[in-house]
Amino acid sequence: MTKADLINHVSETAGITRVKAEAIVNKIFDTMVEALMKDDRIEIRGFGSFVNREYDSYKGRNPRTGEVIAVEEKKLPFFKVGKELKDSLNKS
């Protein structure tokens, strides 16, 4: 499902215009991004949770040249699926 598909589905299901549905979906995603940028955890019961994982710096290698490069420390968002969603996927 793409973002456009999600917007269309929200519009049809809620009986609202596509413009309003797009604003709602965008606001939800923007709020989630803002929370992750502040290192907050996002937990949606029955669906899953998003957290930032921190990775230390390390020495990497450029695959084209073989040159050793320093990779800086970084944070990456990580999604952990909720138990109810996992169970419902495995039932079918």
PDB file of N, CA and C in Angstrom:
ATOM      1  N   MET A   1       0.849  -1.174   0.000  1.00  0.00           N
ATOM      2  CA  MET A   1       0.000   0.000   0.000  1.00  0.00           C
ATOM      3  C   MET A   1       0.896   1.239   0.000  1.00  0.00           C
ATOM      4  N   THR A   2       0.620   2.150  -0.896  1.00  0.00           N
ATOM      5  CA  THR A   2       1.380   3.396  -0.955  1.00  0.00           C
ATOM      6  C   THR A   2       0.673   4.473  -0.127  1.00  0.00           C
ATOM      7  N   LYS A   3       1.349   5.595   0.044  1.00  0.00           N
ATOM      8  CA  LYS A   3       0.755   6.703   0.787  1.00  0.00           C
ATOM      9  C   LYS A   3      -0.514   7.186   0.084  1.00  0.00           C
ATOM     10  N   ALA A   4      -0.491   7.232  -1.246  1.00  0.00           N
ATOM     11  CA  ALA A   4      -1.674   7.651  -2.008  1.00  0.00           C
ATOM     12  C   ALA A   4      -2.835   6.679  -1.799  1.00  0.00           C
ATOM     13  N   ASP A   5      -2.528   5.376  -1.764  1.00  0.00           N
ATOM     14  CA  ASP A   5      -3.567   4.377  -1.497  1.00  0.00           C
ATOM     15  C   ASP A   5      -4.160   4.574  -0.107  1.00  0.00           C
ATOM     16  N   LEU A   6      -3.305   4.852   0.862  1.00  0.00           N
ATOM     17  CA  LEU A   6      -3.770   5.090   2.228  1.00  0.00           C
ATOM     18  C   LEU A   6      -4.679   6.310   2.288  1.00  0.00           C
ATOM     19  N   ILE A   7      -4.287   7.378   1.617  1.00  0.00           N
ATOM     20  CA  ILE A   7      -5.109   8.593   1.590  1.00  0.00           C
ATOM     21  C   ILE A   7      -6.464   8.310   0.964  1.00  0.00           C
ATOM     22  N   ASN A   8      -6.474   7.597  -0.150  1.00  0.00           N
ATOM     23  CA  ASN A   8      -7.742   7.253  -0.808  1.00  0.00           C
ATOM     24  C   ASN A   8      -8.614   6.387   0.090  1.00  0.00           C
ATOM     25  N   HIS A   9      -8.017   5.428   0.785  1.00  0.00           N
ATOM     26  CA  HIS A   9      -8.780   4.551   1.672  1.00  0.00           C
ATOM     27  C   HIS A   9      -9.380   5.329   2.846  1.00  0.00           C
ATOM     28  N   VAL A  10      -8.594   6.222   3.440  1.00  0.00           N
ATOM     29  CA  VAL A  10      -9.105   7.050   4.544  1.00  0.00           C
ATOM     30  C   VAL A  10     -10.241   7.932   4.046  1.00  0.00           C
ATOM     31  N   SER A  11     -10.082   8.497   2.865  1.00  0.00           N
ATOM     32  CA  SER A  11     -11.108   9.363   2.287  1.00  0.00           C
ATOM     33  C   SER A  11     -12.421   8.609   2.082  1.00  0.00           C
ATOM     34  N   GLU A  12     -12.330   7.421   1.502  1.00  0.00           N
ATOM     35  CA  GLU A  12     -13.533   6.630   1.232  1.00  0.00           C
ATOM     36  C   GLU A  12     -14.168   6.104   2.515  1.00  0.00           C
ATOM     37  N   THR A  13     -13.356   5.604   3.424  1.00  0.00           N
ATOM     38  CA  THR A  13     -13.867   5.008   4.659  1.00  0.00           C
ATOM     39  C   THR A  13     -14.515   6.045   5.572  1.00  0.00           C
ATOM     40  N   ALA A  14     -13.870   7.207   5.700  1.00  0.00           N
ATOM     41  CA  ALA A  14     -14.376   8.242   6.605  1.00  0.00           C
ATOM     42  C   ALA A  14     -15.409   9.136   5.940  1.00  0.00           C
ATOM     43  N   GLY A  15     -15.567   9.026   4.620  1.00  0.00           N
ATOM     44  CA  GLY A  15     -16.536   9.863   3.921  1.00  0.00           C
ATOM     45  C   GLY A  15     -16.129  11.329   3.899  1.00  0.00           C
ATOM     46  N   ILE A  16     -14.819  11.583   3.777  1.00  0.00           N
ATOM     47  CA  ILE A  16     -14.326  12.954   3.718  1.00  0.00           C
ATOM     48  C   ILE A  16     -13.618  13.167   2.379  1.00  0.00           C
ATOM     49  N   THR A  17     -13.331  14.427   2.082  1.00  0.00           N
ATOM     50  CA  THR A  17     -12.669  14.718   0.814  1.00  0.00           C
ATOM     51  C   THR A  17     -11.239  14.199   0.841  1.00  0.00           C
ATOM     52  N   ARG A  18     -10.702  14.000  -0.346  1.00  0.00           N
ATOM     53  CA  ARG A  18      -9.328  13.511  -0.459  1.00  0.00           C
ATOM     54  C   ARG A  18      -8.341  14.529   0.127  1.00  0.00           C
ATOM     55  N   VAL A  19      -8.630  15.814  -0.008  1.00  0.00           N
ATOM     56  CA  VAL A  19      -7.753  16.864   0.526  1.00  0.00           C
ATOM     57  C   VAL A  19      -7.683  16.776   2.044  1.00  0.00           C
ATOM     58  N   LYS A  20      -8.842  16.582   2.696  1.00  0.00           N
ATOM     59  CA  LYS A  20      -8.859  16.455   4.153  1.00  0.00           C
ATOM     60  C   LYS A  20      -8.146  15.185   4.600  1.00  0.00           C
ATOM     61  N   ALA A  21      -8.365  14.087   3.882  1.00  0.00           N
ATOM     62  CA  ALA A  21      -7.714  12.824   4.217  1.00  0.00           C
ATOM     63  C   ALA A  21      -6.204  12.941   4.071  1.00  0.00           C
ATOM     64  N   GLU A  22      -5.751  13.645   3.034  1.00  0.00           N
ATOM     65  CA  GLU A  22      -4.320  13.843   2.833  1.00  0.00           C
ATOM     66  C   GLU A  22      -3.718  14.661   3.971  1.00  0.00           C
ATOM     67  N   ALA A  23      -4.445  15.683   4.423  1.00  0.00           N
ATOM     68  CA  ALA A  23      -3.968  16.508   5.529  1.00  0.00           C
ATOM     69  C   ALA A  23      -3.845  15.676   6.804  1.00  0.00           C
ATOM     70  N   ILE A  24      -4.797  14.804   7.043  1.00  0.00           N
ATOM     71  CA  ILE A  24      -4.780  13.950   8.236  1.00  0.00           C
ATOM     72  C   ILE A  24      -3.595  12.984   8.189  1.00  0.00           C
ATOM     73  N   VAL A  25      -3.427  12.303   7.074  1.00  0.00           N
ATOM     74  CA  VAL A  25      -2.336  11.334   6.937  1.00  0.00           C
ATOM     75  C   VAL A  25      -0.985  12.040   7.059  1.00  0.00           C
ATOM     76  N   ASN A  26      -0.835  13.186   6.409  1.00  0.00           N
ATOM     77  CA  ASN A  26       0.423  13.929   6.489  1.00  0.00           C
ATOM     78  C   ASN A  26       0.724  14.374   7.914  1.00  0.00           C
ATOM     79  N   LYS A  27      -0.303  14.817   8.632  1.00  0.00           N
ATOM     80  CA  LYS A  27      -0.116  15.259  10.022  1.00  0.00           C
ATOM     81  C   LYS A  27       0.315  14.099  10.910  1.00  0.00           C
ATOM     82  N   ILE A  28      -0.258  12.939  10.705  1.00  0.00           N
ATOM     83  CA  ILE A  28       0.126  11.764  11.486  1.00  0.00           C
ATOM     84  C   ILE A  28       1.593  11.430  11.240  1.00  0.00           C
ATOM     85  N   PHE A  29       1.983  11.374   9.965  1.00  0.00           N
ATOM     86  CA  PHE A  29       3.378  11.052   9.648  1.00  0.00           C
ATOM     87  C   PHE A  29       4.331  12.123  10.162  1.00  0.00           C
ATOM     88  N   ASP A  30       3.966  13.393  10.016  1.00  0.00           N
ATOM     89  CA  ASP A  30       4.819  14.487  10.498  1.00  0.00           C
ATOM     90  C   ASP A  30       5.007  14.406  12.005  1.00  0.00           C
ATOM     91  N   THR A  31       3.942  14.096  12.721  1.00  0.00           N
ATOM     92  CA  THR A  31       4.010  13.978  14.173  1.00  0.00           C
ATOM     93  C   THR A  31       4.903  12.807  14.582  1.00  0.00           C
ATOM     94  N   MET A  32       4.831  11.701  13.850  1.00  0.00           N
ATOM     95  CA  MET A  32       5.681  10.550  14.140  1.00  0.00           C
ATOM     96  C   MET A  32       7.154  10.895  13.892  1.00  0.00           C
ATOM     97  N   VAL A  33       7.437  11.597  12.810  1.00  0.00           N
ATOM     98  CA  VAL A  33       8.813  11.991  12.507  1.00  0.00           C
ATOM     99  C   VAL A  33       9.347  12.926  13.587  1.00  0.00           C
ATOM    100  N   GLU A  34       8.529  13.890  14.006  1.00  0.00           N
ATOM    101  CA  GLU A  34       8.946  14.819  15.061  1.00  0.00           C
ATOM    102  C   GLU A  34       9.260  14.073  16.356  1.00  0.00           C
ATOM    103  N   ALA A  35       8.437  13.085  16.692  1.00  0.00           N
ATOM    104  CA  ALA A  35       8.673  12.314  17.918  1.00  0.00           C
ATOM    105  C   ALA A  35       9.981  11.540  17.824  1.00  0.00           C
ATOM    106  N   LEU A  36      10.246  10.931  16.688  1.00  0.00           N
ATOM    107  CA  LEU A  36      11.492  10.184  16.525  1.00  0.00           C
ATOM    108  C   LEU A  36      12.700  11.116  16.540  1.00  0.00           C
ATOM    109  N   MET A  37      12.545  12.319  16.008  1.00  0.00           N
ATOM    110  CA  MET A  37      13.645  13.282  16.026  1.00  0.00           C
ATOM    111  C   MET A  37      13.975  13.715  17.456  1.00  0.00           C
ATOM    112  N   LYS A  38      12.980  13.683  18.354  1.00  0.00           N
ATOM    113  CA  LYS A  38      13.201  14.019  19.763  1.00  0.00           C
ATOM    114  C   LYS A  38      13.575  12.786  20.589  1.00  0.00           C
ATOM    115  N   ASP A  39      13.839  11.663  19.925  1.00  0.00           N
ATOM    116  CA  ASP A  39      14.175  10.394  20.578  1.00  0.00           C
ATOM    117  C   ASP A  39      13.042   9.838  21.423  1.00  0.00           C
ATOM    118  N   ASP A  40      11.817  10.209  21.110  1.00  0.00           N
ATOM    119  CA  ASP A  40      10.659   9.633  21.794  1.00  0.00           C
ATOM    120  C   ASP A  40      10.329   8.278  21.167  1.00  0.00           C
ATOM    121  N   ARG A  41       9.721   7.425  21.943  1.00  0.00           N
ATOM    122  CA  ARG A  41       9.264   6.125  21.472  1.00  0.00           C
ATOM    123  C   ARG A  41       7.816   6.273  21.021  1.00  0.00           C
ATOM    124  N   ILE A  42       7.469   5.652  19.920  1.00  0.00           N
ATOM    125  CA  ILE A  42       6.095   5.656  19.429  1.00  0.00           C
ATOM    126  C   ILE A  42       5.543   4.250  19.621  1.00  0.00           C
ATOM    127  N   GLU A  43       4.471   4.128  20.375  1.00  0.00           N
ATOM    128  CA  GLU A  43       3.877   2.819  20.603  1.00  0.00           C
ATOM    129  C   GLU A  43       2.403   2.860  20.231  1.00  0.00           C
ATOM    130  N   ILE A  44       2.028   2.008  19.304  1.00  0.00           N
ATOM    131  CA  ILE A  44       0.636   1.884  18.877  1.00  0.00           C
ATOM    132  C   ILE A  44       0.200   0.479  19.269  1.00  0.00           C
ATOM    133  N   ARG A  45      -0.587   0.395  20.336  1.00  0.00           N
ATOM    134  CA  ARG A  45      -0.996  -0.901  20.890  1.00  0.00           C
ATOM    135  C   ARG A  45      -1.659  -1.757  19.821  1.00  0.00           C
ATOM    136  N   GLY A  46      -1.258  -3.009  19.755  1.00  0.00           N
ATOM    137  CA  GLY A  46      -1.819  -3.946  18.797  1.00  0.00           C
ATOM    138  C   GLY A  46      -1.176  -3.869  17.421  1.00  0.00           C
ATOM    139  N   PHE A  47      -0.369  -2.841  17.169  1.00  0.00           N
ATOM    140  CA  PHE A  47       0.272  -2.676  15.859  1.00  0.00           C
ATOM    141  C   PHE A  47       1.786  -2.845  15.982  1.00  0.00           C
ATOM    142  N   GLY A  48       2.410  -2.026  16.822  1.00  0.00           N
ATOM    143  CA  GLY A  48       3.857  -2.122  17.002  1.00  0.00           C
ATOM    144  C   GLY A  48       4.419  -0.846  17.581  1.00  0.00           C
ATOM    145  N   SER A  49       5.751  -0.772  17.620  1.00  0.00           N
ATOM    146  CA  SER A  49       6.397   0.400  18.174  1.00  0.00           C
ATOM    147  C   SER A  49       7.595   0.794  17.317  1.00  0.00           C
ATOM    148  N   PHE A  50       7.884   2.086  17.343  1.00  0.00           N
ATOM    149  CA  PHE A  50       9.035   2.644  16.655  1.00  0.00           C
ATOM    150  C   PHE A  50       9.979   3.214  17.704  1.00  0.00           C
ATOM    151  N   VAL A  51      11.251   2.872  17.593  1.00  0.00           N
ATOM    152  CA  VAL A  51      12.273   3.426  18.469  1.00  0.00           C
ATOM    153  C   VAL A  51      13.506   3.733  17.628  1.00  0.00           C
ATOM    154  N   ASN A  52      14.341   4.620  18.131  1.00  0.00           N
ATOM    155  CA  ASN A  52      15.613   4.893  17.481  1.00  0.00           C
ATOM    156  C   ASN A  52      16.662   3.955  18.052  1.00  0.00           C
ATOM    157  N   ARG A  53      17.439   3.363  17.169  1.00  0.00           N
ATOM    158  CA  ARG A  53      18.576   2.561  17.598  1.00  0.00           C
ATOM    159  C   ARG A  53      19.835   3.342  17.278  1.00  0.00           C
ATOM    160  N   GLU A  54      20.751   3.356  18.233  1.00  0.00           N
ATOM    161  CA  GLU A  54      21.991   4.090  18.047  1.00  0.00           C
ATOM    162  C   GLU A  54      23.110   3.119  17.688  1.00  0.00           C
ATOM    163  N   TYR A  55      23.886   3.495  16.685  1.00  0.00           N
ATOM    164  CA  TYR A  55      25.007   2.680  16.231  1.00  0.00           C
ATOM    165  C   TYR A  55      26.294   3.481  16.401  1.00  0.00           C
ATOM    166  N   ASP A  56      27.314   2.853  16.955  1.00  0.00           N
ATOM    167  CA  ASP A  56      28.602   3.503  17.153  1.00  0.00           C
ATOM    168  C   ASP A  56      29.319   3.677  15.820  1.00  0.00           C
ATOM    169  N   SER A  57      30.314   4.548  15.836  1.00  0.00           N
ATOM    170  CA  SER A  57      31.120   4.733  14.633  1.00  0.00           C
ATOM    171  C   SER A  57      31.997   3.491  14.429  1.00  0.00           C
ATOM    172  N   TYR A  58      32.388   3.263  13.180  1.00  0.00           N
ATOM    173  CA  TYR A  58      33.225   2.114  12.877  1.00  0.00           C
ATOM    174  C   TYR A  58      33.997   2.377  11.583  1.00  0.00           C
ATOM    175  N   LYS A  59      34.950   1.533  11.317  1.00  0.00           N
ATOM    176  CA  LYS A  59      35.722   1.620  10.079  1.00  0.00           C
ATOM    177  C   LYS A  59      35.028   0.749   9.042  1.00  0.00           C
ATOM    178  N   GLY A  60      34.691   1.371   7.917  1.00  0.00           N
ATOM    179  CA  GLY A  60      34.065   0.647   6.825  1.00  0.00           C
ATOM    180  C   GLY A  60      34.995   0.591   5.636  1.00  0.00           C
ATOM    181  N   ARG A  61      34.523  -0.002   4.560  1.00  0.00           N
ATOM    182  CA  ARG A  61      35.333  -0.125   3.364  1.00  0.00           C
ATOM    183  C   ARG A  61      34.496   0.246   2.157  1.00  0.00           C
ATOM    184  N   ASN A  62      35.048   1.108   1.303  1.00  0.00           N
ATOM    185  CA  ASN A  62      34.393   1.467   0.056  1.00  0.00           C
ATOM    186  C   ASN A  62      34.466   0.252  -0.867  1.00  0.00           C
ATOM    187  N   PRO A  63      33.322  -0.311  -1.294  1.00  0.00           N
ATOM    188  CA  PRO A  63      33.361  -1.541  -2.099  1.00  0.00           C
ATOM    189  C   PRO A  63      33.990  -1.347  -3.484  1.00  0.00           C
ATOM    190  N   ARG A  64      33.965  -0.144  -4.022  1.00  0.00           N
ATOM    191  CA  ARG A  64      34.556   0.084  -5.351  1.00  0.00           C
ATOM    192  C   ARG A  64      36.072   0.186  -5.310  1.00  0.00           C
ATOM    193  N   THR A  65      36.558   0.969  -4.329  1.00  0.00           N
ATOM    194  CA  THR A  65      37.996   1.235  -4.289  1.00  0.00           C
ATOM    195  C   THR A  65      38.730   0.413  -3.246  1.00  0.00           C
ATOM    196  N   GLY A  66      38.021  -0.139  -2.293  1.00  0.00           N
ATOM    197  CA  GLY A  66      38.663  -0.878  -1.213  1.00  0.00           C
ATOM    198  C   GLY A  66      39.236   0.028  -0.139  1.00  0.00           C
ATOM    199  N   GLU A  67      39.038   1.333  -0.293  1.00  0.00           N
ATOM    200  CA  GLU A  67      39.557   2.310   0.662  1.00  0.00           C
ATOM    201  C   GLU A  67      38.834   2.202   2.002  1.00  0.00           C
ATOM    202  N   VAL A  68      39.595   2.270   3.091  1.00  0.00           N
ATOM    203  CA  VAL A  68      39.019   2.238   4.433  1.00  0.00           C
ATOM    204  C   VAL A  68      38.494   3.643   4.749  1.00  0.00           C
ATOM    205  N   ILE A  69      37.231   3.704   5.190  1.00  0.00           N
ATOM    206  CA  ILE A  69      36.617   4.989   5.521  1.00  0.00           C
ATOM    207  C   ILE A  69      36.030   4.912   6.927  1.00  0.00           C
ATOM    208  N   ALA A  70      35.923   6.064   7.552  1.00  0.00           N
ATOM    209  CA  ALA A  70      35.323   6.143   8.889  1.00  0.00           C
ATOM    210  C   ALA A  70      33.835   6.417   8.736  1.00  0.00           C
ATOM    211  N   VAL A  71      33.019   5.547   9.296  1.00  0.00           N
ATOM    212  CA  VAL A  71      31.568   5.741   9.293  1.00  0.00           C
ATOM    213  C   VAL A  71      31.193   6.326  10.645  1.00  0.00           C
ATOM    214  N   GLU A  72      30.549   7.484  10.618  1.00  0.00           N
ATOM    215  CA  GLU A  72      30.192   8.163  11.865  1.00  0.00           C
ATOM    216  C   GLU A  72      29.059   7.444  12.585  1.00  0.00           C
ATOM    217  N   GLU A  73      28.933   7.727  13.884  1.00  0.00           N
ATOM    218  CA  GLU A  73      27.816   7.149  14.640  1.00  0.00           C
ATOM    219  C   GLU A  73      26.516   7.684  14.079  1.00  0.00           C
ATOM    220  N   LYS A  74      25.466   6.886  14.211  1.00  0.00           N
ATOM    221  CA  LYS A  74      24.183   7.284  13.626  1.00  0.00           C
ATOM    222  C   LYS A  74      23.035   6.657  14.396  1.00  0.00           C
ATOM    223  N   LYS A  75      21.863   7.214  14.145  1.00  0.00           N
ATOM    224  CA  LYS A  75      20.618   6.691  14.701  1.00  0.00           C
ATOM    225  C   LYS A  75      19.749   6.255  13.525  1.00  0.00           C
ATOM    226  N   LEU A  76      19.095   5.121  13.686  1.00  0.00           N
ATOM    227  CA  LEU A  76      18.172   4.642  12.670  1.00  0.00           C
ATOM    228  C   LEU A  76      16.869   4.228  13.346  1.00  0.00           C
ATOM    229  N   PRO A  77      15.730   4.591  12.758  1.00  0.00           N
ATOM    230  CA  PRO A  77      14.459   4.147  13.333  1.00  0.00           C
ATOM    231  C   PRO A  77      14.285   2.645  13.136  1.00  0.00           C
ATOM    232  N   PHE A  78      13.709   2.007  14.127  1.00  0.00           N
ATOM    233  CA  PHE A  78      13.490   0.569  14.102  1.00  0.00           C
ATOM    234  C   PHE A  78      12.044   0.303  14.475  1.00  0.00           C
ATOM    235  N   PHE A  79      11.385  -0.590  13.719  1.00  0.00           N
ATOM    236  CA  PHE A  79       9.998  -0.955  13.989  1.00  0.00           C
ATOM    237  C   PHE A  79       9.959  -2.362  14.556  1.00  0.00           C
ATOM    238  N   LYS A  80       9.260  -2.514  15.681  1.00  0.00           N
ATOM    239  CA  LYS A  80       9.042  -3.827  16.265  1.00  0.00           C
ATOM    240  C   LYS A  80       7.552  -4.111  16.214  1.00  0.00           C
ATOM    241  N   VAL A  81       7.190  -5.187  15.552  1.00  0.00           N
ATOM    242  CA  VAL A  81       5.784  -5.525  15.367  1.00  0.00           C
ATOM    243  C   VAL A  81       5.159  -5.933  16.698  1.00  0.00           C
ATOM    244  N   GLY A  82       3.885  -5.559  16.885  1.00  0.00           N
ATOM    245  CA  GLY A  82       3.156  -5.913  18.091  1.00  0.00           C
ATOM    246  C   GLY A  82       2.663  -7.348  18.050  1.00  0.00           C
ATOM    247  N   LYS A  83       2.423  -7.905  19.220  1.00  0.00           N
ATOM    248  CA  LYS A  83       2.007  -9.302  19.329  1.00  0.00           C
ATOM    249  C   LYS A  83       0.698  -9.569  18.605  1.00  0.00           C
ATOM    250  N   GLU A  84      -0.285  -8.675  18.751  1.00  0.00           N
ATOM    251  CA  GLU A  84      -1.585  -8.908  18.119  1.00  0.00           C
ATOM    252  C   GLU A  84      -1.494  -8.898  16.597  1.00  0.00           C
ATOM    253  N   LEU A  85      -0.695  -7.989  16.049  1.00  0.00           N
ATOM    254  CA  LEU A  85      -0.516  -7.944  14.599  1.00  0.00           C
ATOM    255  C   LEU A  85       0.206  -9.189  14.111  1.00  0.00           C
ATOM    256  N   LYS A  86       1.241  -9.586  14.827  1.00  0.00           N
ATOM    257  CA  LYS A  86       1.992 -10.797  14.460  1.00  0.00           C
ATOM    258  C   LYS A  86       1.092 -12.018  14.490  1.00  0.00           C
ATOM    259  N   ASP A  87       0.279 -12.125  15.533  1.00  0.00           N
ATOM    260  CA  ASP A  87      -0.632 -13.270  15.643  1.00  0.00           C
ATOM    261  C   ASP A  87      -1.666 -13.278  14.529  1.00  0.00           C
ATOM    262  N   SER A  88      -2.219 -12.109  14.190  1.00  0.00           N
ATOM    263  CA  SER A  88      -3.246 -12.063  13.136  1.00  0.00           C
ATOM    264  C   SER A  88      -2.644 -12.377  11.762  1.00  0.00           C
ATOM    265  N   LEU A  89      -1.392 -12.012  11.539  1.00  0.00           N
ATOM    266  CA  LEU A  89      -0.739 -12.345  10.270  1.00  0.00           C
ATOM    267  C   LEU A  89      -0.467 -13.837  10.155  1.00  0.00           C
ATOM    268  N   ASN A  90      -0.168 -14.468  11.265  1.00  0.00           N
ATOM    269  CA  ASN A  90       0.172 -15.881  11.239  1.00  0.00           C
ATOM    270  C   ASN A  90      -1.039 -16.793  11.279  1.00  0.00           C
ATOM    271  N   LYS A  91      -2.221 -16.259  11.570  1.00  0.00           N
ATOM    272  CA  LYS A  91      -3.440 -17.072  11.574  1.00  0.00           C
ATOM    273  C   LYS A  91      -3.871 -17.456  10.170  1.00  0.00           C
ATOM    274  N   SER A  92      -3.699 -16.520   9.231  1.00  0.00           N
ATOM    275  CA  SER A  92      -4.199 -16.773   7.868  1.00  0.00           C
ATOM    276  C   SER A  92      -3.265 -17.574   7.016  1.00  0.00           C
TER     277      SER A  92
END
